[in-house]
Amino acid sequence: MIPFRHATGLDQIVGSQLQQIVGQAVATGQMTPAAAQAVLTNNSAPLGAPMPASVGGGNPREVPLRGNGPREFPMGFGLTPVAAGANVIINANPQVNFRPSRLVIPDSVAPSFMINDFKIGMRSQLVAPGALPAQSFTQEAVGTAMALDTVNVGQFVTLDVTNVSTQTVNFAASLFGTTLNS
């Protein structure tokens, strides 16, 4: 016989659907009341407990499996052409909760830009008003690790940049950080 906990994926079945499946298994004699209680209290069943016939139907509600825990990922801001002397606001929207820790602007474009503001949601991540040279955040820059706010799903990360060169330059940047329970 197939063990109940492995056959049904109890880590994904929750709430009333789990109670219904286990109740049907007890009612039809496919599971003992003791095994049912073990399943309902801690989502485990003794090995060898039979799989109820009702598992295939009933469309159990699924929840995501537990994530792999925090993981390091980059997030890009894309390539944005910025005219000479122009000020542009560039947004990125991560699809998972994300705690950024380092902004990186390529050496090739950094001399052409100033960073006017860096926001997560509505909160500036700079401690004082005033533009910073983008060269402060190049891949070769030292001491650029930051403890930034967490970006929740649905929030924007915003860079407000100004092209200080005499020609149009494509701005690009990456934000490195940790996803939460991805």
Protein backbone atom coordinates (compact mmCIF):
# COMPACT_ATOMS: atom_id res chain seq x y z
CA MET A 1 0.00 0.00 0.00
CA ILE A 2 1.04 3.57 -0.61
CA PRO A 3 1.67 5.59 2.56
CA PHE A 4 -1.01 8.27 2.96
CA ARG A 5 1.36 11.17 3.60
CA HIS A 6 3.44 10.54 0.48
CA ALA A 7 0.59 9.85 -1.89
CA THR A 8 -1.43 12.95 -1.14
CA GLY A 9 1.22 15.61 -0.52
CA LEU A 10 -0.10 16.64 2.88
CA ASP A 11 2.29 19.58 2.88
CA GLN A 12 0.07 21.10 0.17
CA ILE A 13 -3.44 20.17 1.36
CA VAL A 14 -4.83 22.49 4.01
CA GLY A 15 -7.97 23.43 5.88
CA SER A 16 -11.37 21.88 5.35
CA GLN A 17 -10.25 19.88 2.30
CA LEU A 18 -7.79 17.93 4.46
CA GLN A 19 -10.48 17.34 7.08
CA GLN A 20 -12.90 16.15 4.39
CA ILE A 21 -10.40 13.71 2.85
CA VAL A 22 -9.39 12.28 6.21
CA GLY A 23 -13.04 12.09 7.33
CA GLN A 24 -13.96 10.11 4.24
CA ALA A 25 -11.03 7.77 4.79
CA VAL A 26 -12.18 7.03 8.35
CA ALA A 27 -15.84 6.65 7.30
CA THR A 28 -14.96 4.10 4.62
CA GLY A 29 -12.60 2.18 6.89
CA GLN A 30 -9.51 3.13 4.90
CA MET A 31 -7.90 4.88 7.87
CA THR A 32 -8.07 4.37 11.61
CA PRO A 33 -9.29 7.20 13.83
CA ALA A 34 -5.83 7.33 15.46
CA ALA A 35 -4.12 7.77 12.09
CA ALA A 36 -6.68 10.42 11.16
CA GLN A 37 -5.96 12.34 14.36
CA ALA A 38 -2.22 12.20 13.63
CA VAL A 39 -2.80 13.60 10.16
CA LEU A 40 -5.04 16.42 11.35
CA THR A 41 -2.78 17.49 14.22
CA ASN A 42 0.60 17.46 12.52
CA ASN A 43 0.12 16.50 8.87
CA SER A 44 1.70 13.09 9.25
CA ALA A 45 0.38 9.57 9.11
CA PRO A 46 1.96 6.31 10.14
CA LEU A 47 3.77 4.58 7.33
CA GLY A 48 1.54 1.99 5.76
CA ALA A 49 -1.67 3.90 6.43
CA PRO A 50 -3.78 3.44 3.30
CA MET A 51 -4.53 6.21 0.87
CA PRO A 52 -8.24 7.07 0.83
CA ALA A 53 -10.08 6.52 -2.43
CA SER A 54 -11.40 10.09 -2.27
CA VAL A 55 -8.00 11.68 -2.71
CA GLY A 56 -8.35 11.90 -6.48
CA GLY A 57 -11.51 14.02 -6.30
CA GLY A 58 -12.54 17.04 -4.33
CA ASN A 59 -9.92 19.40 -5.80
CA PRO A 60 -7.86 20.10 -2.67
CA ARG A 61 -6.67 23.65 -2.25
CA GLU A 62 -2.94 23.94 -2.82
CA VAL A 63 -0.55 26.25 -1.08
CA PRO A 64 3.02 26.89 -2.21
CA LEU A 65 5.63 24.55 -0.83
CA ARG A 66 7.92 26.04 1.74
CA GLY A 67 10.61 28.04 -0.01
CA ASN A 68 14.27 27.38 -0.05
CA GLY A 69 14.77 30.20 2.43
CA PRO A 70 16.59 33.42 1.66
CA ARG A 71 18.46 33.44 -1.65
CA GLU A 72 20.72 36.02 -3.28
CA PHE A 73 19.45 37.45 -6.57
CA PRO A 74 20.02 40.43 -8.88
CA MET A 75 17.33 42.72 -10.19
CA GLY A 76 17.86 44.85 -13.29
CA PHE A 77 16.60 48.30 -14.18
CA GLY A 78 16.85 47.67 -17.90
CA LEU A 79 18.47 49.89 -20.51
CA THR A 80 17.06 53.41 -20.58
CA PRO A 81 18.26 56.07 -23.03
CA VAL A 82 18.68 59.43 -21.27
CA ALA A 83 19.20 62.60 -23.31
CA ALA A 84 22.00 65.01 -22.43
CA GLY A 85 21.03 67.06 -19.37
CA ALA A 86 17.76 65.14 -18.90
CA ASN A 87 16.38 63.89 -15.63
CA VAL A 88 14.68 60.44 -15.79
CA ILE A 89 12.91 58.31 -13.22
CA ILE A 90 13.44 54.57 -13.74
CA ASN A 91 11.24 51.99 -11.99
CA ALA A 92 11.65 48.29 -11.33
CA ASN A 93 9.05 46.04 -9.74
CA PRO A 94 10.27 42.74 -8.25
CA GLN A 95 7.81 39.84 -8.25
CA VAL A 96 8.89 38.48 -4.85
CA ASN A 97 9.68 40.12 -1.52
CA PHE A 98 13.22 41.38 -1.90
CA ARG A 99 15.71 43.00 0.47
CA PRO A 100 18.32 44.82 -1.64
CA SER A 101 21.80 45.40 -0.30
CA ARG A 102 23.90 46.76 -3.17
CA LEU A 103 23.26 49.03 -6.14
CA VAL A 104 25.67 48.54 -9.04
CA ILE A 105 26.01 50.89 -12.01
CA PRO A 106 28.41 49.82 -14.80
CA ASP A 107 31.74 51.65 -15.04
CA SER A 108 30.98 52.43 -18.67
CA VAL A 109 27.94 54.64 -17.91
CA ALA A 110 28.53 55.85 -14.35
CA PRO A 111 30.64 58.95 -15.25
CA SER A 112 27.67 60.33 -17.21
CA PHE A 113 25.13 60.21 -14.38
CA MET A 114 24.17 61.63 -11.00
CA ILE A 115 21.77 59.77 -8.69
CA ASN A 116 19.21 62.29 -7.42
CA ASP A 117 17.19 59.82 -5.37
CA PHE A 118 16.84 56.11 -4.74
CA LYS A 119 13.45 55.02 -3.36
CA ILE A 120 11.83 51.83 -2.23
CA GLY A 121 8.11 52.42 -2.32
CA MET A 122 7.76 56.01 -1.19
CA ARG A 123 10.80 56.02 1.13
CA SER A 124 14.10 57.46 0.02
CA GLN A 125 17.08 55.24 0.78
CA LEU A 126 19.39 58.24 0.99
CA VAL A 127 19.98 59.88 4.37
CA ALA A 128 20.04 63.43 3.02
CA PRO A 129 18.78 65.29 -0.03
CA GLY A 130 21.29 65.93 -2.77
CA ALA A 131 22.63 64.14 -5.80
CA LEU A 132 25.35 61.52 -5.61
CA PRO A 133 27.73 60.66 -8.42
CA ALA A 134 26.76 57.35 -10.01
CA GLN A 135 30.46 56.43 -9.86
CA SER A 136 29.92 55.85 -6.13
CA PHE A 137 28.06 52.66 -7.10
CA THR A 138 30.24 51.06 -9.78
CA GLN A 139 31.20 47.40 -9.64
CA GLU A 140 34.68 48.43 -8.48
CA ALA A 141 33.42 50.74 -5.72
CA VAL A 142 34.35 49.84 -2.15
CA GLY A 143 32.04 50.13 0.87
CA THR A 144 28.79 50.13 -1.09
CA ALA A 145 26.94 47.47 0.93
CA MET A 146 23.76 49.00 2.30
CA ALA A 147 20.98 47.94 4.69
CA LEU A 148 18.00 48.95 2.56
CA ASP A 149 14.26 48.61 3.14
CA THR A 150 12.50 45.45 2.00
CA VAL A 151 10.64 45.73 -1.30
CA ASN A 152 7.27 44.03 -0.99
CA VAL A 153 5.47 42.60 -4.00
CA GLY A 154 3.66 45.47 -5.69
CA GLN A 155 6.14 48.15 -4.61
CA PHE A 156 8.47 49.94 -6.98
CA VAL A 157 12.17 50.52 -6.66
CA THR A 158 12.86 53.92 -8.19
CA LEU A 159 16.08 55.53 -9.38
CA ASP A 160 15.97 59.25 -10.21
CA VAL A 161 18.96 59.96 -12.45
CA THR A 162 20.35 62.91 -14.41
CA ASN A 163 22.58 62.63 -17.45
CA VAL A 164 25.37 65.19 -16.90
CA SER A 165 27.16 64.44 -20.19
CA THR A 166 26.78 66.26 -23.52
CA GLN A 167 25.23 63.31 -25.37
CA THR A 168 22.46 60.72 -24.97
CA VAL A 169 23.64 57.80 -22.82
CA ASN A 170 21.91 54.49 -22.06
CA PHE A 171 21.52 54.12 -18.29
CA ALA A 172 21.67 50.66 -16.76
CA ALA A 173 21.87 49.42 -13.18
CA SER A 174 21.52 46.26 -11.10
CA LEU A 175 20.31 45.85 -7.57
CA PHE A 176 21.59 42.84 -5.63
CA GLY A 177 19.85 41.47 -2.60
CA THR A 178 18.06 38.65 -0.86
CA THR A 179 14.67 37.23 -1.72
CA LEU A 180 12.60 36.18 1.25
CA ASN A 181 11.24 32.61 1.10
CA SER A 182 11.56 32.18 -2.64
